[in-house]
């Protein structure tokens, strides 16, 4: 259970909000997994993707407050943009192996379809 909110997926505490004056990110795994079917959580890269969304969002808030000095009213927009950028990088890395495996299969299926199409055209002509 998250300390400050029953519905939060994650929380960012800046230096001023923490006891030891160090910024902290809290990920509320129970809240994140509430609406996700259990069988999807068994798939490793999906589980990492679901958790990464919240983690990247909270890191976006950390960058907003500590590095860029972005105004508070722009905070959610900045965190959302940062999340999207990081998820693209994360997805490229996570799905790289899948792409390597699937690309030859997709290429082969396209060749077979073209070959079948040309054979059918030759029979009809």
Protein backbone atom coordinates (compact mmCIF):
# COMPACT_ATOMS: atom_id res chain seq x y z
CA UNK A 1 0.00 0.00 0.00
CA UNK A 2 1.28 3.44 -0.89
CA UNK A 3 1.92 5.70 2.08
CA UNK A 4 0.10 8.82 0.87
CA UNK A 5 -2.57 7.67 -1.53
CA UNK A 6 -4.67 4.60 -2.17
CA UNK A 7 -4.84 5.28 -5.91
CA UNK A 8 -1.33 6.53 -6.73
CA UNK A 9 0.85 4.41 -8.96
CA UNK A 10 3.99 6.17 -7.80
CA UNK A 11 5.10 9.11 -5.73
CA UNK A 12 8.06 11.46 -5.93
CA UNK A 13 9.39 13.11 -2.79
CA UNK A 14 11.85 15.95 -3.36
CA UNK A 15 14.63 16.85 -0.95
CA UNK A 16 12.37 19.06 1.14
CA UNK A 17 9.68 16.41 1.57
CA UNK A 18 11.91 13.65 2.92
CA UNK A 19 13.33 13.25 6.39
CA UNK A 20 16.95 12.76 5.32
CA UNK A 21 16.86 15.51 2.65
CA UNK A 22 17.33 12.99 -0.18
CA UNK A 23 14.85 12.71 -3.05
CA UNK A 24 12.86 9.46 -3.13
CA UNK A 25 10.63 7.64 -5.58
CA UNK A 26 8.01 5.24 -4.25
CA UNK A 27 6.49 2.72 -6.67
CA UNK A 28 3.10 1.36 -5.57
CA UNK A 29 3.27 -2.07 -7.19
CA UNK A 30 -0.04 -3.18 -5.70
CA UNK A 31 -1.86 -0.24 -7.27
CA UNK A 32 -0.09 -0.68 -10.61
CA UNK A 33 -1.07 -4.34 -10.83
CA UNK A 34 -4.70 -3.85 -9.73
CA UNK A 35 -6.27 -3.60 -13.18
CA UNK A 36 -3.86 -5.90 -15.01
CA UNK A 37 -4.92 -9.50 -15.65
CA UNK A 38 -2.69 -11.89 -13.71
CA UNK A 39 -1.66 -13.90 -16.78
CA UNK A 40 -0.16 -10.77 -18.36
CA UNK A 41 2.05 -10.25 -15.32
CA UNK A 42 3.60 -13.67 -15.98
CA UNK A 43 5.11 -12.35 -19.22
CA UNK A 44 8.43 -10.79 -18.27
CA UNK A 45 8.72 -7.93 -20.76
CA UNK A 46 5.08 -6.89 -20.20
CA UNK A 47 5.61 -6.82 -16.44
CA UNK A 48 8.75 -4.69 -16.90
CA UNK A 49 6.93 -2.40 -19.34
CA UNK A 50 4.03 -1.85 -16.90
CA UNK A 51 6.41 -0.99 -14.05
CA UNK A 52 8.66 1.11 -16.30
CA UNK A 53 5.80 3.47 -17.19
CA UNK A 54 5.39 4.54 -13.58
CA UNK A 55 9.11 4.60 -12.83
CA UNK A 56 9.88 6.79 -15.86
CA UNK A 57 7.02 9.14 -14.94
CA UNK A 58 8.42 9.64 -11.43
CA UNK A 59 11.96 10.07 -12.77
CA UNK A 60 10.51 12.76 -15.05
CA UNK A 61 9.28 14.59 -11.93
CA UNK A 62 12.72 14.23 -10.35
CA UNK A 63 14.36 15.78 -13.42
CA UNK A 64 11.73 18.51 -13.43
CA UNK A 65 12.40 19.54 -9.84
CA UNK A 66 16.13 18.99 -9.54
CA UNK A 67 17.68 19.61 -12.94
CA UNK A 68 15.59 21.70 -15.30
CA UNK A 69 13.75 24.00 -12.93
CA UNK A 70 10.53 23.45 -14.86
CA UNK A 71 7.55 25.29 -13.40
CA UNK A 72 5.18 23.25 -11.26
CA UNK A 73 2.18 23.62 -13.60
CA UNK A 74 4.26 22.09 -16.44
CA UNK A 75 5.33 19.15 -14.27
CA UNK A 76 2.82 16.55 -15.48
CA UNK A 77 3.41 17.48 -19.11
CA UNK A 78 7.17 17.16 -18.66
CA UNK A 79 6.84 13.83 -16.83
CA UNK A 80 4.56 12.51 -19.58
CA UNK A 81 6.99 13.58 -22.33
CA UNK A 82 9.92 12.04 -20.49
CA UNK A 83 7.96 8.81 -20.01
CA UNK A 84 7.15 8.58 -23.72
CA UNK A 85 10.77 9.19 -24.71
CA UNK A 86 12.10 6.60 -22.27
CA UNK A 87 9.47 4.01 -23.20
CA UNK A 88 10.58 4.28 -26.83
CA UNK A 89 14.16 3.55 -25.80
CA UNK A 90 13.03 0.82 -23.42
CA UNK A 91 10.87 -0.78 -26.11
CA UNK A 92 13.66 -0.74 -28.67
CA UNK A 93 15.97 -2.51 -26.23
CA UNK A 94 13.37 -4.94 -24.86
CA UNK A 95 12.00 -5.99 -28.22
CA UNK A 96 15.35 -6.14 -30.03
CA UNK A 97 15.64 -9.92 -29.60
CA UNK A 98 12.02 -10.42 -30.63
CA UNK A 99 12.64 -8.31 -33.74
CA UNK A 100 15.69 -10.41 -34.64
CA UNK A 101 13.64 -13.61 -34.32
CA UNK A 102 10.47 -12.34 -35.99
CA UNK A 103 12.02 -10.41 -38.89
CA UNK A 104 13.14 -13.51 -40.85
CA UNK A 105 9.78 -15.18 -40.20
CA UNK A 106 7.85 -12.14 -41.45
CA UNK A 107 10.14 -11.83 -44.46
CA UNK A 108 9.67 -15.52 -45.31
CA UNK A 109 5.88 -15.26 -45.00
CA UNK A 110 5.86 -12.27 -47.39
CA UNK A 111 7.95 -14.20 -49.93
CA UNK A 112 5.60 -17.18 -49.69
CA UNK A 113 2.54 -14.93 -50.17
CA UNK A 114 4.08 -13.29 -53.23
CA UNK A 115 5.02 -16.67 -54.66
CA UNK A 116 1.49 -18.02 -54.10
CA UNK A 117 0.03 -14.90 -55.69
CA UNK A 118 2.20 -15.24 -58.77
CA UNK A 119 1.33 -18.96 -59.06
CA UNK A 120 -2.40 -18.18 -58.86
CA UNK A 121 -2.07 -15.44 -61.52
CA UNK A 122 -0.21 -17.86 -63.82
CA UNK A 123 -2.97 -20.50 -63.40
CA UNK A 124 -5.73 -17.98 -64.15
CA UNK A 125 -3.95 -16.59 -67.23
